[in-house]
N, C-alpha and C. Protein backbone atom coordinates (compact mmCIF):
# COMPACT_ATOMS: atom_id res chain seq x y z
N MET A 1 0.84 -1.17 0.00
CA MET A 1 0.00 0.00 0.00
C MET A 1 0.89 1.24 0.00
N ALA A 2 0.74 2.05 -0.99
CA ALA A 2 1.55 3.26 -1.10
C ALA A 2 0.98 4.36 -0.21
N GLY A 3 1.70 5.44 -0.11
CA GLY A 3 1.26 6.58 0.67
C GLY A 3 2.40 7.14 1.49
N ASN A 4 2.08 8.05 2.36
CA ASN A 4 3.04 8.69 3.24
C ASN A 4 3.08 7.92 4.55
N VAL A 5 4.26 7.42 4.95
CA VAL A 5 4.39 6.60 6.16
C VAL A 5 5.41 7.23 7.10
N VAL A 6 5.06 7.26 8.40
CA VAL A 6 5.94 7.77 9.44
C VAL A 6 5.97 6.75 10.57
N GLU A 7 7.16 6.34 10.95
CA GLU A 7 7.29 5.48 12.12
C GLU A 7 7.13 6.33 13.36
N ILE A 8 6.19 5.95 14.25
CA ILE A 8 5.94 6.76 15.44
C ILE A 8 6.41 6.11 16.72
N ALA A 9 6.74 4.81 16.67
CA ALA A 9 7.27 4.13 17.86
C ALA A 9 8.00 2.87 17.42
N ARG A 10 9.01 2.49 18.23
CA ARG A 10 9.78 1.28 17.94
C ARG A 10 10.33 0.73 19.25
N GLN A 11 10.20 -0.58 19.39
CA GLN A 11 10.82 -1.30 20.50
C GLN A 11 11.74 -2.34 19.90
N GLU A 12 13.02 -2.23 20.19
CA GLU A 12 14.02 -3.18 19.71
C GLU A 12 14.21 -4.27 20.76
N GLY A 13 14.85 -5.35 20.37
CA GLY A 13 15.17 -6.41 21.31
C GLY A 13 14.52 -7.72 20.91
N THR A 14 14.51 -8.64 21.85
CA THR A 14 13.94 -9.96 21.61
C THR A 14 12.48 -9.84 21.19
N GLU A 15 11.75 -8.98 21.88
CA GLU A 15 10.36 -8.70 21.51
C GLU A 15 10.35 -7.36 20.78
N PHE A 16 10.13 -7.40 19.49
CA PHE A 16 10.19 -6.22 18.62
C PHE A 16 8.77 -5.75 18.31
N ARG A 17 8.60 -4.42 18.32
CA ARG A 17 7.36 -3.83 17.83
C ARG A 17 7.68 -2.53 17.12
N ARG A 18 7.03 -2.34 15.97
CA ARG A 18 7.12 -1.09 15.22
C ARG A 18 5.70 -0.59 15.01
N VAL A 19 5.48 0.72 15.19
CA VAL A 19 4.17 1.33 14.97
C VAL A 19 4.33 2.43 13.93
N ASP A 20 3.54 2.35 12.88
CA ASP A 20 3.58 3.33 11.79
C ASP A 20 2.25 4.04 11.67
N LEU A 21 2.32 5.30 11.26
CA LEU A 21 1.14 6.08 10.88
C LEU A 21 1.24 6.27 9.38
N ARG A 22 0.17 5.92 8.67
CA ARG A 22 0.19 5.98 7.21
C ARG A 22 -0.99 6.78 6.68
N LEU A 23 -0.70 7.70 5.77
CA LEU A 23 -1.74 8.38 4.99
C LEU A 23 -1.73 7.72 3.62
N ALA A 24 -2.76 6.95 3.32
CA ALA A 24 -2.83 6.20 2.07
C ALA A 24 -3.17 7.12 0.90
N ASP A 25 -2.89 6.63 -0.29
CA ASP A 25 -3.17 7.40 -1.50
C ASP A 25 -4.65 7.75 -1.63
N ASP A 26 -5.54 6.92 -1.08
CA ASP A 26 -6.98 7.18 -1.17
C ASP A 26 -7.47 8.14 -0.09
N GLY A 27 -6.56 8.63 0.78
CA GLY A 27 -6.92 9.57 1.82
C GLY A 27 -7.25 8.94 3.16
N ALA A 28 -7.26 7.62 3.23
CA ALA A 28 -7.49 6.94 4.51
C ALA A 28 -6.25 7.06 5.39
N ILE A 29 -6.45 6.98 6.69
CA ILE A 29 -5.35 6.98 7.65
C ILE A 29 -5.31 5.61 8.31
N TYR A 30 -4.10 5.07 8.42
CA TYR A 30 -3.88 3.78 9.07
C TYR A 30 -2.91 3.96 10.23
N LEU A 31 -3.20 3.34 11.34
CA LEU A 31 -2.26 3.19 12.43
C LEU A 31 -1.96 1.70 12.47
N GLU A 32 -0.71 1.34 12.16
CA GLU A 32 -0.34 -0.05 11.93
C GLU A 32 0.79 -0.46 12.87
N ALA A 33 0.78 -1.72 13.26
CA ALA A 33 1.86 -2.23 14.11
C ALA A 33 2.30 -3.59 13.60
N GLN A 34 3.56 -3.90 13.88
CA GLN A 34 4.14 -5.20 13.55
C GLN A 34 4.89 -5.69 14.77
N ASP A 35 4.59 -6.91 15.19
CA ASP A 35 5.28 -7.55 16.31
C ASP A 35 6.09 -8.72 15.78
N MET A 36 7.27 -8.93 16.36
CA MET A 36 8.11 -10.09 16.06
C MET A 36 8.79 -10.52 17.34
N GLY A 37 9.04 -11.82 17.46
CA GLY A 37 9.74 -12.33 18.62
C GLY A 37 9.14 -13.64 19.10
N PRO A 38 9.71 -14.19 20.16
CA PRO A 38 9.26 -15.47 20.68
C PRO A 38 7.78 -15.51 21.06
N SER A 39 7.27 -14.43 21.62
CA SER A 39 5.85 -14.39 22.01
C SER A 39 4.94 -14.54 20.80
N VAL A 40 5.30 -13.86 19.71
CA VAL A 40 4.50 -13.94 18.49
C VAL A 40 4.50 -15.37 17.97
N GLU A 41 5.66 -15.98 17.92
CA GLU A 41 5.75 -17.36 17.43
C GLU A 41 4.96 -18.31 18.32
N GLN A 42 5.00 -18.08 19.63
CA GLN A 42 4.29 -18.95 20.56
C GLN A 42 2.78 -18.80 20.40
N VAL A 43 2.30 -17.57 20.28
CA VAL A 43 0.86 -17.32 20.20
C VAL A 43 0.31 -17.57 18.80
N TRP A 44 1.00 -17.08 17.79
CA TRP A 44 0.46 -17.10 16.42
C TRP A 44 1.08 -18.17 15.53
N GLY A 45 2.18 -18.78 15.97
CA GLY A 45 2.82 -19.80 15.15
C GLY A 45 3.43 -19.26 13.89
N ASP A 46 3.79 -17.98 13.90
CA ASP A 46 4.40 -17.33 12.74
C ASP A 46 5.48 -16.39 13.26
N THR A 47 6.32 -15.89 12.34
CA THR A 47 7.44 -15.05 12.75
C THR A 47 7.03 -13.60 13.01
N ASP A 48 5.88 -13.18 12.46
CA ASP A 48 5.44 -11.82 12.72
C ASP A 48 3.92 -11.75 12.76
N TYR A 49 3.44 -10.69 13.40
CA TYR A 49 2.01 -10.44 13.54
C TYR A 49 1.80 -8.96 13.24
N GLU A 50 0.92 -8.66 12.32
CA GLU A 50 0.63 -7.28 11.95
C GLU A 50 -0.84 -6.98 12.21
N PHE A 51 -1.10 -5.77 12.68
CA PHE A 51 -2.48 -5.36 12.93
C PHE A 51 -2.60 -3.86 12.71
N ARG A 52 -3.83 -3.40 12.47
CA ARG A 52 -4.00 -1.99 12.11
C ARG A 52 -5.41 -1.52 12.41
N VAL A 53 -5.54 -0.19 12.44
CA VAL A 53 -6.84 0.49 12.47
C VAL A 53 -6.87 1.41 11.26
N ARG A 54 -7.95 1.35 10.48
CA ARG A 54 -8.12 2.21 9.32
C ARG A 54 -9.25 3.19 9.59
N VAL A 55 -9.00 4.46 9.29
CA VAL A 55 -10.04 5.48 9.35
C VAL A 55 -10.28 5.95 7.92
N ALA A 56 -11.50 5.78 7.46
CA ALA A 56 -11.86 6.14 6.09
C ALA A 56 -11.80 7.66 5.90
N PRO A 57 -11.54 8.10 4.67
CA PRO A 57 -11.49 9.55 4.41
C PRO A 57 -12.76 10.28 4.89
N SER A 58 -13.91 9.65 4.75
CA SER A 58 -15.16 10.30 5.16
C SER A 58 -15.23 10.53 6.67
N ALA A 59 -14.46 9.79 7.45
CA ALA A 59 -14.48 9.93 8.92
C ALA A 59 -13.39 10.87 9.43
N LEU A 60 -12.54 11.39 8.56
CA LEU A 60 -11.43 12.24 9.01
C LEU A 60 -11.87 13.55 9.66
N PRO A 61 -12.94 14.20 9.19
CA PRO A 61 -13.38 15.41 9.91
C PRO A 61 -13.75 15.10 11.37
N LYS A 62 -14.45 14.01 11.62
CA LYS A 62 -14.81 13.63 12.99
C LYS A 62 -13.56 13.29 13.80
N LEU A 63 -12.62 12.56 13.19
CA LEU A 63 -11.37 12.23 13.86
C LEU A 63 -10.62 13.51 14.25
N ALA A 64 -10.48 14.44 13.30
CA ALA A 64 -9.77 15.69 13.58
C ALA A 64 -10.47 16.47 14.69
N PHE A 65 -11.78 16.54 14.64
CA PHE A 65 -12.54 17.27 15.65
C PHE A 65 -12.29 16.69 17.04
N GLU A 66 -12.39 15.37 17.16
CA GLU A 66 -12.23 14.73 18.46
C GLU A 66 -10.80 14.84 18.99
N LEU A 67 -9.81 14.69 18.11
CA LEU A 67 -8.42 14.83 18.55
C LEU A 67 -8.11 16.26 19.00
N LEU A 68 -8.63 17.24 18.27
CA LEU A 68 -8.41 18.64 18.66
C LEU A 68 -9.13 18.97 19.95
N ARG A 69 -10.34 18.46 20.10
CA ARG A 69 -11.08 18.67 21.35
C ARG A 69 -10.30 18.11 22.53
N GLU A 70 -9.78 16.90 22.35
CA GLU A 70 -9.02 16.27 23.42
C GLU A 70 -7.72 17.02 23.71
N LYS A 71 -7.02 17.43 22.67
CA LYS A 71 -5.72 18.08 22.85
C LYS A 71 -5.83 19.46 23.48
N PHE A 72 -6.86 20.21 23.12
CA PHE A 72 -6.94 21.60 23.54
C PHE A 72 -8.03 21.89 24.59
N ALA A 73 -8.77 20.90 25.03
CA ALA A 73 -9.83 21.13 26.02
C ALA A 73 -9.27 21.76 27.29
N GLY A 74 -9.95 22.78 27.78
CA GLY A 74 -9.55 23.43 29.03
C GLY A 74 -8.44 24.45 28.88
N ARG A 75 -7.96 24.67 27.68
CA ARG A 75 -6.85 25.61 27.47
C ARG A 75 -7.37 26.95 26.99
N LEU A 76 -7.14 27.98 27.76
CA LEU A 76 -7.57 29.32 27.35
C LEU A 76 -6.75 29.85 26.19
N ASP A 77 -5.56 29.28 25.97
CA ASP A 77 -4.71 29.68 24.85
C ASP A 77 -4.90 28.77 23.64
N ALA A 78 -6.02 28.06 23.57
CA ALA A 78 -6.23 27.03 22.54
C ALA A 78 -6.09 27.58 21.11
N VAL A 79 -6.65 28.75 20.84
CA VAL A 79 -6.61 29.28 19.47
C VAL A 79 -5.17 29.56 19.06
N THR A 80 -4.43 30.25 19.91
CA THR A 80 -3.03 30.57 19.61
C THR A 80 -2.19 29.30 19.55
N ALA A 81 -2.40 28.40 20.47
CA ALA A 81 -1.64 27.14 20.49
C ALA A 81 -1.92 26.32 19.24
N PHE A 82 -3.17 26.29 18.81
CA PHE A 82 -3.52 25.54 17.59
C PHE A 82 -2.90 26.20 16.37
N ARG A 83 -2.94 27.52 16.29
CA ARG A 83 -2.30 28.22 15.18
C ARG A 83 -0.80 27.91 15.14
N ASP A 84 -0.15 27.95 16.29
CA ASP A 84 1.28 27.67 16.36
C ASP A 84 1.57 26.22 15.98
N TRP A 85 0.72 25.31 16.41
CA TRP A 85 0.89 23.89 16.08
C TRP A 85 0.77 23.69 14.56
N CYS A 86 -0.23 24.33 13.95
CA CYS A 86 -0.39 24.24 12.50
C CYS A 86 0.84 24.76 11.77
N ARG A 87 1.35 25.90 12.21
CA ARG A 87 2.57 26.45 11.60
C ARG A 87 3.73 25.49 11.73
N ALA A 88 3.93 24.95 12.92
CA ALA A 88 5.07 24.08 13.18
C ALA A 88 5.01 22.78 12.37
N HIS A 89 3.80 22.34 12.02
CA HIS A 89 3.65 21.07 11.31
C HIS A 89 3.29 21.23 9.84
N GLY A 90 3.35 22.46 9.35
CA GLY A 90 3.08 22.70 7.94
C GLY A 90 1.64 22.43 7.54
N VAL A 91 0.71 22.63 8.47
CA VAL A 91 -0.71 22.41 8.17
C VAL A 91 -1.30 23.72 7.67
N GLU A 92 -1.85 23.68 6.46
CA GLU A 92 -2.45 24.87 5.88
C GLU A 92 -3.62 25.32 6.76
N HIS A 93 -3.63 26.60 7.08
CA HIS A 93 -4.67 27.14 7.96
C HIS A 93 -4.82 28.63 7.70
N GLU A 94 -5.87 29.20 8.23
CA GLU A 94 -6.08 30.65 8.18
C GLU A 94 -6.31 31.13 9.60
N PHE A 95 -5.69 32.24 9.94
CA PHE A 95 -5.91 32.87 11.24
C PHE A 95 -6.62 34.18 11.01
N GLY A 96 -7.63 34.45 11.77
CA GLY A 96 -8.37 35.69 11.63
C GLY A 96 -8.71 36.26 12.99
N ASN A 97 -8.98 37.56 12.99
CA ASN A 97 -9.42 38.22 14.22
C ASN A 97 -10.28 39.41 13.86
N TYR A 98 -11.00 39.89 14.83
CA TYR A 98 -11.80 41.09 14.64
C TYR A 98 -12.03 41.75 15.99
N ALA A 99 -12.30 43.02 15.95
CA ALA A 99 -12.53 43.78 17.19
C ALA A 99 -13.83 44.53 17.09
């Protein structure tokens, strides 16, 4: 599956886990993990186990809304902090004000 992939967590060692965040070409978002190690072989009888959560493009507005609500709830500086976060992460946005 093509798209933009970022590794967001990794555990090295006998028990290995990698977690990736993927933006697929169709606009879906995947949070994917891969486990390897003795536990995987014991439980699954295979050398690796992969699992994921997919959020369809149509559900992304709800996902964004809930994540922003969770991240900024209770913060009186939420508007400024969100603007700064968008700038820092290259997220296209508009800032406006009026008096």
